[in-house]
Amino acid sequence: MNQNSHIPKPANLAQPDDWLYDRSVLGWILNPTLSKQLPFLYRIFGLYCKLYFNLTGKSYLKGGRGLFRFLSNIFYRLSPERYLEMKLSGYHVFLNPTDMRLFQVVNELASNDTDTRVLSKLLSEGDTFLDVGANHGSFAIVASKMVGANGFVLAVEPQPRLAKALEKSLTANALCKFQIHNLAVGDADGEIELIVPVGTSGAAGVFPEHSATHQHNTIKVALRRFDELVDWQKFTGKVLLKLDVEGSECAFLSGARKMITSLKPTLIVEVHPTSLKAAGATGDKLKQLLQELGYKRYAEIDDSDRSFPLEDLNTNTQRNVVMTMA
């Protein structure tokens, strides 16, 4: 999801991608087994990380943003169609080389201390996993092995470069059938303008107050209602839905009402007060819609065995939670 709940935030965050330059995200690049897989330009970045962290003892990489953009722009000009390719413990992934969020993707897949751990408790052989707002697809990649040959993974990602990277990753990893939809999902059919911050693709969305606060690009993408987008009546096993759409949660849920009320999926959702406010919504509105759809309980993603009444959910704190109807 956009920000791992276990990652400490640097003081005085000024940019939406500041959290990506924390040692807790970049620490894996100090591992020679992983860093040696990177192309030469990215190994330069890794060397800077090692020297800075070891010499200063600080946890925030000062100057990292400028160096990464400089090196990744050179790489893109030399190889505009190339993806970074890495083999991790059990996974073979493809990454967008100009997106700083690639470092968090490796962090998520190379470490057991991430939000993807919860999938082992929620998915079984033959189940269906839906990754809405997939980004590079860390959750979808992990799920594609867990659900086995009889399971199914469906990912939705509106950014073309990331959708292509995820297609490559799932082709290399999935034990199950899968689909990738390169579009946005909401409560209407049509076309929208997607705002993609230059610093990190994870904050991309349709609401300027959230996604256009710093340097950004815009692209036009198709918009569909989920209920009409896929043949959800054929989903197999239990259904688990991960939803991370930067303020468009209420719109997605409204456009997926038939599927949700029929299949009753367990829901992993990011509670993000800032993006909800930018969308003109509130945490209370989101809770009310979830209750109307039948959700009754929630649990913190890193303590999913203990659940609480949904009406008690505090939506003023950004984090990922698991919601159930039982």
C-alpha atoms as a PDB file:
ATOM      1  CA  MET A   1       0.000   0.000   0.000  1.00  0.00           C
ATOM      2  CA  ASN A   2       1.020   3.593  -0.148  1.00  0.00           C
ATOM      3  CA  GLN A   3       2.970   3.593   3.077  1.00  0.00           C
ATOM      4  CA  ASN A   4       3.923   0.641   5.229  1.00  0.00           C
ATOM      5  CA  SER A   5       2.499   1.150   8.710  1.00  0.00           C
ATOM      6  CA  HIS A   6       5.754  -0.065  10.295  1.00  0.00           C
ATOM      7  CA  ILE A   7       7.932   2.627   8.675  1.00  0.00           C
ATOM      8  CA  PRO A   8       8.714   5.642  10.872  1.00  0.00           C
ATOM      9  CA  LYS A   9       8.102   9.014   9.276  1.00  0.00           C
ATOM     10  CA  PRO A  10      10.961  11.520   9.085  1.00  0.00           C
ATOM     11  CA  ALA A  11      10.301  14.736  10.968  1.00  0.00           C
ATOM     12  CA  ASN A  12       8.758  17.593   9.018  1.00  0.00           C
ATOM     13  CA  LEU A  13       7.687  15.655   5.933  1.00  0.00           C
ATOM     14  CA  ALA A  14       7.804  18.058   3.013  1.00  0.00           C
ATOM     15  CA  GLN A  15       7.390  15.709   0.056  1.00  0.00           C
ATOM     16  CA  PRO A  16       4.970  12.789  -0.379  1.00  0.00           C
ATOM     17  CA  ASP A  17       7.897  10.474  -1.117  1.00  0.00           C
ATOM     18  CA  ASP A  18      10.022  11.434   1.915  1.00  0.00           C
ATOM     19  CA  TRP A  19       9.240   8.144   3.668  1.00  0.00           C
ATOM     20  CA  LEU A  20      10.875   6.207   0.810  1.00  0.00           C
ATOM     21  CA  TYR A  21      14.288   7.619   1.743  1.00  0.00           C
ATOM     22  CA  ASP A  22      14.221   6.140   5.234  1.00  0.00           C
ATOM     23  CA  ARG A  23      16.702   3.412   6.095  1.00  0.00           C
ATOM     24  CA  SER A  24      13.830   1.075   6.983  1.00  0.00           C
ATOM     25  CA  VAL A  25      12.897   1.114   3.270  1.00  0.00           C
ATOM     26  CA  LEU A  26      16.388   1.262   1.795  1.00  0.00           C
ATOM     27  CA  GLY A  27      18.130  -1.143   4.154  1.00  0.00           C
ATOM     28  CA  TRP A  28      17.950  -4.066   1.724  1.00  0.00           C
ATOM     29  CA  ILE A  29      20.259  -2.300  -0.707  1.00  0.00           C
ATOM     30  CA  LEU A  30      23.081  -2.844   1.812  1.00  0.00           C
ATOM     31  CA  ASN A  31      22.667  -6.606   1.249  1.00  0.00           C
ATOM     32  CA  PRO A  32      25.260  -7.610  -1.416  1.00  0.00           C
ATOM     33  CA  THR A  33      23.106 -10.533  -2.593  1.00  0.00           C
ATOM     34  CA  LEU A  34      20.368  -8.100  -3.572  1.00  0.00           C
ATOM     35  CA  SER A  35      22.350  -5.007  -4.572  1.00  0.00           C
ATOM     36  CA  LYS A  36      24.575  -6.897  -7.020  1.00  0.00           C
ATOM     37  CA  GLN A  37      21.486  -7.637  -9.126  1.00  0.00           C
ATOM     38  CA  LEU A  38      20.987  -3.928  -9.784  1.00  0.00           C
ATOM     39  CA  PRO A  39      22.321  -2.231 -12.930  1.00  0.00           C
ATOM     40  CA  PHE A  40      25.472  -0.140 -12.520  1.00  0.00           C
ATOM     41  CA  LEU A  41      23.702   3.221 -12.093  1.00  0.00           C
ATOM     42  CA  TYR A  42      21.561   1.877  -9.249  1.00  0.00           C
ATOM     43  CA  ARG A  43      24.600   0.339  -7.571  1.00  0.00           C
ATOM     44  CA  ILE A  44      26.008   3.875  -7.435  1.00  0.00           C
ATOM     45  CA  PHE A  45      22.880   4.901  -5.551  1.00  0.00           C
ATOM     46  CA  GLY A  46      23.338   1.866  -3.271  1.00  0.00           C
ATOM     47  CA  LEU A  47      26.945   2.830  -2.544  1.00  0.00           C
ATOM     48  CA  TYR A  48      25.819   6.327  -1.576  1.00  0.00           C
ATOM     49  CA  CYS A  49      23.206   4.810   0.768  1.00  0.00           C
ATOM     50  CA  LYS A  50      25.828   2.590   2.418  1.00  0.00           C
ATOM     51  CA  LEU A  51      28.333   5.419   2.900  1.00  0.00           C
ATOM     52  CA  TYR A  52      25.743   7.898   4.159  1.00  0.00           C
ATOM     53  CA  PHE A  53      24.036   5.573   6.632  1.00  0.00           C
ATOM     54  CA  ASN A  54      27.302   4.133   7.978  1.00  0.00           C
ATOM     55  CA  LEU A  55      29.154   7.442   8.275  1.00  0.00           C
ATOM     56  CA  THR A  56      26.355   9.602   9.647  1.00  0.00           C
ATOM     57  CA  GLY A  57      24.332   7.099  11.648  1.00  0.00           C
ATOM     58  CA  LYS A  58      21.210   8.919  10.491  1.00  0.00           C
ATOM     59  CA  SER A  59      18.110   7.112   9.250  1.00  0.00           C
ATOM     60  CA  TYR A  60      16.987   9.600   6.578  1.00  0.00           C
ATOM     61  CA  LEU A  61      18.981   9.695   3.314  1.00  0.00           C
ATOM     62  CA  LYS A  62      19.752  13.360   2.725  1.00  0.00           C
ATOM     63  CA  GLY A  63      20.344  14.077  -0.952  1.00  0.00           C
ATOM     64  CA  GLY A  64      18.877  10.750  -1.982  1.00  0.00           C
ATOM     65  CA  ARG A  65      16.008  12.185  -3.995  1.00  0.00           C
ATOM     66  CA  GLY A  66      18.195  14.289  -6.273  1.00  0.00           C
ATOM     67  CA  LEU A  67      20.681  11.467  -6.813  1.00  0.00           C
ATOM     68  CA  PHE A  68      18.001   8.881  -7.586  1.00  0.00           C
ATOM     69  CA  ARG A  69      16.241  11.120 -10.104  1.00  0.00           C
ATOM     70  CA  PHE A  70      19.538  11.984 -11.807  1.00  0.00           C
ATOM     71  CA  LEU A  71      20.655   8.351 -12.133  1.00  0.00           C
ATOM     72  CA  SER A  72      17.241   6.931 -13.036  1.00  0.00           C
ATOM     73  CA  ASN A  73      16.740   9.579 -15.746  1.00  0.00           C
ATOM     74  CA  ILE A  74      20.059   8.570 -17.318  1.00  0.00           C
ATOM     75  CA  PHE A  75      19.007   4.917 -17.175  1.00  0.00           C
ATOM     76  CA  TYR A  76      15.665   5.710 -18.802  1.00  0.00           C
ATOM     77  CA  ARG A  77      17.242   7.709 -21.615  1.00  0.00           C
ATOM     78  CA  LEU A  78      19.626   4.833 -22.343  1.00  0.00           C
ATOM     79  CA  SER A  79      17.016   2.044 -22.006  1.00  0.00           C
ATOM     80  CA  PRO A  80      13.481   3.506 -22.119  1.00  0.00           C
ATOM     81  CA  GLU A  81      11.752   0.118 -22.413  1.00  0.00           C
ATOM     82  CA  ARG A  82      13.782  -1.714 -19.810  1.00  0.00           C
ATOM     83  CA  TYR A  83      12.512  -2.758 -16.388  1.00  0.00           C
ATOM     84  CA  LEU A  84      14.651  -3.579 -13.384  1.00  0.00           C
ATOM     85  CA  GLU A  85      14.560  -7.331 -12.849  1.00  0.00           C
ATOM     86  CA  MET A  86      15.312  -8.915  -9.474  1.00  0.00           C
ATOM     87  CA  LYS A  87      15.186 -12.381  -7.977  1.00  0.00           C
ATOM     88  CA  LEU A  88      14.272 -12.311  -4.314  1.00  0.00           C
ATOM     89  CA  SER A  89      13.600 -15.151  -1.878  1.00  0.00           C
ATOM     90  CA  GLY A  90      10.926 -17.018  -3.815  1.00  0.00           C
ATOM     91  CA  TYR A  91       9.949 -14.159  -6.128  1.00  0.00           C
ATOM     92  CA  HIS A  92      11.039 -12.883  -9.536  1.00  0.00           C
ATOM     93  CA  VAL A  93       9.936  -9.263  -9.928  1.00  0.00           C
ATOM     94  CA  PHE A  94      10.007  -6.500 -12.517  1.00  0.00           C
ATOM     95  CA  LEU A  95      10.190  -2.870 -11.398  1.00  0.00           C
ATOM     96  CA  ASN A  96       9.697   0.540 -12.979  1.00  0.00           C
ATOM     97  CA  PRO A  97      13.255   1.984 -12.890  1.00  0.00           C
ATOM     98  CA  THR A  98      12.175   5.649 -12.656  1.00  0.00           C
ATOM     99  CA  ASP A  99       9.810   5.127  -9.703  1.00  0.00           C
ATOM    100  CA  MET A 100      11.453   5.468  -6.288  1.00  0.00           C
ATOM    101  CA  ARG A 101       8.730   3.240  -4.895  1.00  0.00           C
ATOM    102  CA  LEU A 102      10.578   0.268  -6.398  1.00  0.00           C
ATOM    103  CA  PHE A 103      12.695   0.204  -3.231  1.00  0.00           C
ATOM    104  CA  GLN A 104       9.638  -0.352  -1.045  1.00  0.00           C
ATOM    105  CA  VAL A 105       8.458  -3.146  -3.365  1.00  0.00           C
ATOM    106  CA  VAL A 106      11.706  -5.040  -2.803  1.00  0.00           C
ATOM    107  CA  ASN A 107      11.477  -4.234   0.914  1.00  0.00           C
ATOM    108  CA  GLU A 108       7.975  -5.726   1.016  1.00  0.00           C
ATOM    109  CA  LEU A 109       8.888  -8.900  -0.841  1.00  0.00           C
ATOM    110  CA  ALA A 110      12.315  -9.499   0.722  1.00  0.00           C
ATOM    111  CA  SER A 111      11.193  -9.023   4.324  1.00  0.00           C
ATOM    112  CA  ASN A 112       8.732 -10.897   6.519  1.00  0.00           C
ATOM    113  CA  ASP A 113       8.018  -7.725   8.480  1.00  0.00           C
ATOM    114  CA  THR A 114       5.543  -6.228   6.011  1.00  0.00           C
ATOM    115  CA  ASP A 115       1.805  -5.965   5.511  1.00  0.00           C
ATOM    116  CA  THR A 116       1.826  -8.800   2.962  1.00  0.00           C
ATOM    117  CA  ARG A 117       2.250 -11.267   5.856  1.00  0.00           C
ATOM    118  CA  VAL A 118      -1.476 -11.064   6.539  1.00  0.00           C
ATOM    119  CA  LEU A 119      -2.218 -12.880   3.265  1.00  0.00           C
ATOM    120  CA  SER A 120      -1.048 -16.182   4.736  1.00  0.00           C
ATOM    121  CA  LYS A 121      -3.883 -15.951   7.272  1.00  0.00           C
ATOM    122  CA  LEU A 122      -6.570 -14.871   4.821  1.00  0.00           C
ATOM    123  CA  LEU A 123      -5.884 -16.918   1.666  1.00  0.00           C
ATOM    124  CA  SER A 124      -6.063 -20.643   0.954  1.00  0.00           C
ATOM    125  CA  GLU A 125      -5.709 -22.912  -2.060  1.00  0.00           C
ATOM    126  CA  GLY A 126      -8.368 -22.133  -4.645  1.00  0.00           C
ATOM    127  CA  ASP A 127      -9.273 -18.653  -3.357  1.00  0.00           C
ATOM    128  CA  THR A 128      -9.596 -15.409  -5.327  1.00  0.00           C
ATOM    129  CA  PHE A 129      -7.500 -12.321  -4.599  1.00  0.00           C
ATOM    130  CA  LEU A 130      -8.442  -8.882  -5.944  1.00  0.00           C
ATOM    131  CA  ASP A 131      -5.748  -6.183  -5.900  1.00  0.00           C
ATOM    132  CA  VAL A 132      -7.416  -2.849  -6.657  1.00  0.00           C
ATOM    133  CA  GLY A 133      -4.825  -0.094  -6.887  1.00  0.00           C
ATOM    134  CA  ALA A 134      -2.067  -2.668  -7.318  1.00  0.00           C
ATOM    135  CA  ASN A 135       0.907  -0.388  -8.111  1.00  0.00           C
ATOM    136  CA  HIS A 136       3.845  -2.795  -8.692  1.00  0.00           C
ATOM    137  CA  GLY A 137       1.671  -5.564  -7.261  1.00  0.00           C
ATOM    138  CA  SER A 138       3.461  -6.787  -4.134  1.00  0.00           C
ATOM    139  CA  PHE A 139       0.216  -8.184  -2.712  1.00  0.00           C
ATOM    140  CA  ALA A 140      -0.830  -9.748  -6.028  1.00  0.00           C
ATOM    141  CA  ILE A 141       2.571 -11.388  -6.494  1.00  0.00           C
ATOM    142  CA  VAL A 142       2.494 -12.960  -3.028  1.00  0.00           C
ATOM    143  CA  ALA A 143      -1.137 -14.039  -3.437  1.00  0.00           C
ATOM    144  CA  SER A 144      -0.483 -15.598  -6.853  1.00  0.00           C
ATOM    145  CA  LYS A 145       1.575 -18.304  -5.166  1.00  0.00           C
ATOM    146  CA  MET A 146      -0.701 -18.798  -2.153  1.00  0.00           C
ATOM    147  CA  VAL A 147      -3.935 -19.507  -4.041  1.00  0.00           C
ATOM    148  CA  GLY A 148      -2.341 -22.280  -6.102  1.00  0.00           C
ATOM    149  CA  ALA A 149      -3.299 -23.688  -9.478  1.00  0.00           C
ATOM    150  CA  ASN A 150      -7.042 -23.539  -8.780  1.00  0.00           C
ATOM    151  CA  GLY A 151      -7.035 -19.982  -7.474  1.00  0.00           C
ATOM    152  CA  PHE A 152      -7.361 -16.659  -9.272  1.00  0.00           C
ATOM    153  CA  VAL A 153      -5.729 -13.225  -9.002  1.00  0.00           C
ATOM    154  CA  LEU A 154      -7.163 -10.061 -10.545  1.00  0.00           C
ATOM    155  CA  ALA A 155      -5.253  -6.786 -10.401  1.00  0.00           C
ATOM    156  CA  VAL A 156      -6.376  -3.269 -11.323  1.00  0.00           C
ATOM    157  CA  GLU A 157      -3.705  -0.628 -11.949  1.00  0.00           C
ATOM    158  CA  PRO A 158      -4.307   2.520 -14.048  1.00  0.00           C
ATOM    159  CA  GLN A 159      -0.648   3.460 -14.575  1.00  0.00           C
ATOM    160  CA  PRO A 160       0.436   1.726 -17.835  1.00  0.00           C
ATOM    161  CA  ARG A 161       4.105   1.317 -16.904  1.00  0.00           C
ATOM    162  CA  LEU A 162       3.204  -0.353 -13.601  1.00  0.00           C
ATOM    163  CA  ALA A 163       0.505  -2.551 -15.129  1.00  0.00           C
ATOM    164  CA  LYS A 164       3.093  -3.844 -17.610  1.00  0.00           C
ATOM    165  CA  ALA A 165       5.622  -4.480 -14.834  1.00  0.00           C
ATOM    166  CA  LEU A 166       2.991  -6.418 -12.882  1.00  0.00           C
ATOM    167  CA  GLU A 167       2.104  -8.469 -15.938  1.00  0.00           C
ATOM    168  CA  LYS A 168       5.753  -9.472 -16.240  1.00  0.00           C
ATOM    169  CA  SER A 169       5.992 -10.283 -12.540  1.00  0.00           C
ATOM    170  CA  LEU A 170       2.832 -12.393 -12.454  1.00  0.00           C
ATOM    171  CA  THR A 171       3.905 -14.238 -15.595  1.00  0.00           C
ATOM    172  CA  ALA A 172       7.131 -15.134 -13.776  1.00  0.00           C
ATOM    173  CA  ASN A 173       5.553 -15.998 -10.406  1.00  0.00           C
ATOM    174  CA  ALA A 174       1.899 -16.970 -10.589  1.00  0.00           C
ATOM    175  CA  LEU A 175       0.802 -20.534  -9.989  1.00  0.00           C
ATOM    176  CA  CYS A 176      -2.775 -19.500 -10.780  1.00  0.00           C
ATOM    177  CA  LYS A 177      -4.689 -17.845 -13.588  1.00  0.00           C
ATOM    178  CA  PHE A 178      -4.617 -14.053 -13.440  1.00  0.00           C
ATOM    179  CA  GLN A 179      -5.973 -10.925 -15.095  1.00  0.00           C
ATOM    180  CA  ILE A 180      -4.608  -7.376 -15.134  1.00  0.00           C
ATOM    181  CA  HIS A 181      -6.816  -4.399 -15.977  1.00  0.00           C
ATOM    182  CA  ASN A 182      -4.969  -1.211 -16.918  1.00  0.00           C
ATOM    183  CA  LEU A 183      -7.673   1.292 -15.956  1.00  0.00           C
ATOM    184  CA  ALA A 184      -9.345   2.977 -12.998  1.00  0.00           C
ATOM    185  CA  VAL A 185     -12.440   1.730 -11.181  1.00  0.00           C
ATOM    186  CA  GLY A 186     -15.177   3.839  -9.626  1.00  0.00           C
ATOM    187  CA  ASP A 187     -18.905   4.446  -9.592  1.00  0.00           C
ATOM    188  CA  ALA A 188     -19.255   5.417 -13.274  1.00  0.00           C
ATOM    189  CA  ASP A 189     -17.998   4.509 -16.745  1.00  0.00           C
ATOM    190  CA  GLY A 190     -15.975   7.002 -18.771  1.00  0.00           C
ATOM    191  CA  GLU A 191     -12.523   8.576 -18.648  1.00  0.00           C
ATOM    192  CA  ILE A 192     -10.629  10.388 -15.897  1.00  0.00           C
ATOM    193  CA  GLU A 193      -7.396  12.334 -15.498  1.00  0.00           C
ATOM    194  CA  LEU A 194      -4.988  10.492 -13.221  1.00  0.00           C
ATOM    195  CA  ILE A 195      -2.480  12.626 -11.306  1.00  0.00           C
ATOM    196  CA  VAL A 196       0.865  10.882 -10.737  1.00  0.00           C
ATOM    197  CA  PRO A 197       3.367  12.571  -8.388  1.00  0.00           C
ATOM    198  CA  VAL A 198       6.895  12.509  -9.801  1.00  0.00           C
ATOM    199  CA  GLY A 199       8.357  11.293  -6.521  1.00  0.00           C
ATOM    200  CA  THR A 200       6.224   8.213  -6.003  1.00  0.00           C
ATOM    201  CA  SER A 201       3.557   6.419  -7.987  1.00  0.00           C
ATOM    202  CA  GLY A 202       1.935   5.259  -4.745  1.00  0.00           C
ATOM    203  CA  ALA A 203       0.231   8.617  -4.221  1.00  0.00           C
ATOM    204  CA  ALA A 204      -1.348   8.720  -7.700  1.00  0.00           C
ATOM    205  CA  GLY A 205      -5.039   9.570  -7.728  1.00  0.00           C
ATOM    206  CA  VAL A 206      -7.717  11.814  -9.148  1.00  0.00           C
ATOM    207  CA  PHE A 207      -7.935  14.440  -6.395  1.00  0.00           C
ATOM    208  CA  PRO A 208      -5.535  17.413  -6.745  1.00  0.00           C
ATOM    209  CA  GLU A 209      -5.502  18.227  -3.027  1.00  0.00           C
ATOM    210  CA  HIS A 210      -3.919  14.829  -2.405  1.00  0.00           C
ATOM    211  CA  SER A 211      -1.998  13.918  -5.573  1.00  0.00           C
ATOM    212  CA  ALA A 212      -1.037  17.320  -7.035  1.00  0.00           C
ATOM    213  CA  THR A 213       0.570  18.969  -4.020  1.00  0.00           C
ATOM    214  CA  HIS A 214       4.054  18.679  -5.588  1.00  0.00           C
ATOM    215  CA  GLN A 215       5.535  18.105  -9.046  1.00  0.00           C
ATOM    216  CA  HIS A 216       3.353  15.684 -10.980  1.00  0.00           C
ATOM    217  CA  ASN A 217       2.308  14.348 -14.361  1.00  0.00           C
ATOM    218  CA  THR A 218      -1.212  13.643 -15.623  1.00  0.00           C
ATOM    219  CA  ILE A 219      -2.517  10.889 -17.867  1.00  0.00           C
ATOM    220  CA  LYS A 220      -5.990  10.065 -19.137  1.00  0.00           C
ATOM    221  CA  VAL A 221      -7.237   6.595 -18.237  1.00  0.00           C
ATOM    222  CA  ALA A 222     -10.454   4.659 -18.742  1.00  0.00           C
ATOM    223  CA  LEU A 223     -12.874   4.456 -15.803  1.00  0.00           C
ATOM    224  CA  ARG A 224     -15.162   1.469 -15.203  1.00  0.00           C
ATOM    225  CA  ARG A 225     -17.537   0.126 -12.568  1.00  0.00           C
ATOM    226  CA  PHE A 226     -16.138  -3.093 -11.157  1.00  0.00           C
ATOM    227  CA  ASP A 227     -19.504  -4.855 -11.221  1.00  0.00           C
ATOM    228  CA  GLU A 228     -19.576  -4.575 -15.018  1.00  0.00           C
ATOM    229  CA  LEU A 229     -15.831  -4.882 -15.611  1.00  0.00           C
ATOM    230  CA  VAL A 230     -15.355  -8.559 -14.746  1.00  0.00           C
ATOM    231  CA  ASP A 231     -17.380 -11.765 -14.557  1.00  0.00           C
ATOM    232  CA  TRP A 232     -17.211 -11.867 -10.772  1.00  0.00           C
ATOM    233  CA  GLN A 233     -19.833 -14.621 -10.518  1.00  0.00           C
ATOM    234  CA  LYS A 234     -17.079 -17.048 -11.582  1.00  0.00           C
ATOM    235  CA  PHE A 235     -14.611 -16.143  -8.819  1.00  0.00           C
ATOM    236  CA  THR A 236     -13.414 -19.263  -7.006  1.00  0.00           C
ATOM    237  CA  GLY A 237     -13.219 -20.007  -3.288  1.00  0.00           C
ATOM    238  CA  LYS A 238     -13.240 -17.231  -0.711  1.00  0.00           C
ATOM    239  CA  VAL A 239     -12.637 -13.703  -2.025  1.00  0.00           C
ATOM    240  CA  LEU A 240     -10.085 -11.326  -0.514  1.00  0.00           C
ATOM    241  CA  LEU A 241     -10.083  -7.714  -1.737  1.00  0.00           C
ATOM    242  CA  LYS A 242      -7.205  -5.282  -1.189  1.00  0.00           C
ATOM    243  CA  LEU A 243      -8.294  -1.696  -1.851  1.00  0.00           C
ATOM    244  CA  ASP A 244      -5.821   1.192  -2.121  1.00  0.00           C
ATOM    245  CA  VAL A 245      -7.138   3.943  -4.401  1.00  0.00           C
ATOM    246  CA  GLU A 246      -6.052   7.215  -2.764  1.00  0.00           C
ATOM    247  CA  GLY A 247      -9.429   8.719  -1.841  1.00  0.00           C
ATOM    248  CA  SER A 248     -11.608   6.857  -4.362  1.00  0.00           C
ATOM    249  CA  GLU A 249     -12.588   4.129  -1.902  1.00  0.00           C
ATOM    250  CA  CYS A 250     -16.240   5.174  -1.654  1.00  0.00           C
ATOM    251  CA  ALA A 251     -16.543   5.408  -5.446  1.00  0.00           C
ATOM    252  CA  PHE A 252     -15.060   1.936  -5.921  1.00  0.00           C
ATOM    253  CA  LEU A 253     -17.260   0.362  -3.258  1.00  0.00           C
ATOM    254  CA  SER A 254     -20.371   1.879  -4.841  1.00  0.00           C
ATOM    255  CA  GLY A 255     -19.351   0.546  -8.243  1.00  0.00           C
ATOM    256  CA  ALA A 256     -18.670  -2.918  -6.816  1.00  0.00           C
ATOM    257  CA  ARG A 257     -21.804  -3.165  -4.664  1.00  0.00           C
ATOM    258  CA  LYS A 258     -23.261  -6.216  -6.430  1.00  0.00           C
ATOM    259  CA  MET A 259     -20.049  -8.214  -6.144  1.00  0.00           C
ATOM    260  CA  ILE A 260     -19.472  -7.245  -2.517  1.00  0.00           C
ATOM    261  CA  THR A 261     -22.983  -7.996  -1.260  1.00  0.00           C
ATOM    262  CA  SER A 262     -23.059 -11.298  -3.160  1.00  0.00           C
ATOM    263  CA  LEU A 263     -19.565 -12.671  -2.452  1.00  0.00           C
ATOM    264  CA  LYS A 264     -18.904 -10.950   0.894  1.00  0.00           C
ATOM    265  CA  PRO A 265     -15.126 -10.537   0.425  1.00  0.00           C
ATOM    266  CA  THR A 266     -12.786  -9.890   3.318  1.00  0.00           C
ATOM    267  CA  LEU A 267     -11.421  -6.388   2.757  1.00  0.00           C
ATOM    268  CA  ILE A 268      -7.925  -4.980   3.299  1.00  0.00           C
ATOM    269  CA  VAL A 269      -8.238  -1.214   2.992  1.00  0.00           C
ATOM    270  CA  GLU A 270      -6.015   1.769   3.633  1.00  0.00           C
ATOM    271  CA  VAL A 271      -7.565   4.304   5.991  1.00  0.00           C
ATOM    272  CA  HIS A 272      -6.154   7.592   4.707  1.00  0.00           C
ATOM    273  CA  PRO A 273      -7.746  10.726   6.249  1.00  0.00           C
ATOM    274  CA  THR A 274      -5.905  13.122   3.924  1.00  0.00           C
ATOM    275  CA  SER A 275      -6.997  11.432   0.697  1.00  0.00           C
ATOM    276  CA  LEU A 276     -10.565  11.036   1.975  1.00  0.00           C
ATOM    277  CA  LYS A 277     -10.695  14.762   2.743  1.00  0.00           C
ATOM    278  CA  ALA A 278      -9.321  15.574  -0.724  1.00  0.00           C
ATOM    279  CA  ALA A 279     -12.125  13.459  -2.198  1.00  0.00           C
ATOM    280  CA  GLY A 280     -14.747  15.402  -0.257  1.00  0.00           C
ATOM    281  CA  ALA A 281     -15.437  12.382   1.924  1.00  0.00           C
ATOM    282  CA  THR A 282     -14.860  11.547   5.584  1.00  0.00           C
ATOM    283  CA  GLY A 283     -13.952   8.508   7.613  1.00  0.00           C
ATOM    284  CA  ASP A 284     -17.503   8.422   8.937  1.00  0.00           C
ATOM    285  CA  LYS A 285     -18.894   8.353   5.403  1.00  0.00           C
ATOM    286  CA  LEU A 286     -16.575   5.474   4.517  1.00  0.00           C
ATOM    287  CA  LYS A 287     -17.617   3.569   7.643  1.00  0.00           C
ATOM    288  CA  GLN A 288     -21.290   4.150   6.897  1.00  0.00           C
ATOM    289  CA  LEU A 289     -20.918   2.810   3.350  1.00  0.00           C
ATOM    290  CA  LEU A 290     -19.005  -0.231   4.590  1.00  0.00           C
ATOM    291  CA  GLN A 291     -21.725  -0.956   7.137  1.00  0.00           C
ATOM    292  CA  GLU A 292     -24.396  -0.638   4.448  1.00  0.00           C
ATOM    293  CA  LEU A 293     -22.498  -3.238   2.413  1.00  0.00           C
ATOM    294  CA  GLY A 294     -22.509  -5.619   5.377  1.00  0.00           C
ATOM    295  CA  TYR A 295     -19.114  -5.131   7.043  1.00  0.00           C
ATOM    296  CA  LYS A 296     -19.271  -5.441  10.825  1.00  0.00           C
ATOM    297  CA  ARG A 297     -15.762  -5.997  12.225  1.00  0.00           C
ATOM    298  CA  TYR A 298     -12.247  -4.672  11.677  1.00  0.00           C
ATOM    299  CA  ALA A 299      -8.730  -5.661  12.777  1.00  0.00           C
ATOM    300  CA  GLU A 300      -5.361  -3.951  12.540  1.00  0.00           C
ATOM    301  CA  ILE A 301      -3.347  -5.512   9.723  1.00  0.00           C
ATOM    302  CA  ASP A 302      -0.447  -6.444  12.021  1.00  0.00           C
ATOM    303  CA  ASP A 303      -2.800  -7.944  14.642  1.00  0.00           C
ATOM    304  CA  SER A 304      -5.485  -9.514  12.470  1.00  0.00           C
ATOM    305  CA  ASP A 305      -6.486 -12.130  15.065  1.00  0.00           C
ATOM    306  CA  ARG A 306      -8.188  -9.504  17.265  1.00  0.00           C
ATOM    307  CA  SER A 307     -11.245  -7.822  15.767  1.00  0.00           C
ATOM    308  CA  PHE A 308     -13.424  -4.969  16.956  1.00  0.00           C
ATOM    309  CA  PRO A 309     -16.823  -3.501  16.002  1.00  0.00           C
ATOM    310  CA  LEU A 310     -16.539  -1.416  12.836  1.00  0.00           C
ATOM    311  CA  GLU A 311     -18.314   1.511  14.489  1.00  0.00           C
ATOM    312  CA  ASP A 312     -15.305   1.811  16.854  1.00  0.00           C
ATOM    313  CA  LEU A 313     -12.794   2.304  14.018  1.00  0.00           C
ATOM    314  CA  ASN A 314     -10.790   5.521  14.387  1.00  0.00           C
ATOM    315  CA  THR A 315     -10.436   6.913  10.865  1.00  0.00           C
ATOM    316  CA  ASN A 316      -8.221   9.838  11.894  1.00  0.00           C
ATOM    317  CA  THR A 317      -5.035   7.750  11.720  1.00  0.00           C
ATOM    318  CA  GLN A 318      -3.511   6.523   8.452  1.00  0.00           C
ATOM    319  CA  ARG A 319      -3.001   2.753   8.404  1.00  0.00           C
ATOM    320  CA  ASN A 320      -4.156  -0.487   6.784  1.00  0.00           C
ATOM    321  CA  VAL A 321      -6.965  -2.518   8.343  1.00  0.00           C
ATOM    322  CA  VAL A 322      -8.784  -5.781   7.637  1.00  0.00           C
ATOM    323  CA  MET A 323     -12.603  -5.781   7.539  1.00  0.00           C
ATOM    324  CA  THR A 324     -15.000  -8.699   7.666  1.00  0.00           C
ATOM    325  CA  MET A 325     -18.747  -9.225   7.540  1.00  0.00           C
ATOM    326  CA  ALA A 326     -18.796 -11.900  10.264  1.00  0.00           C
END
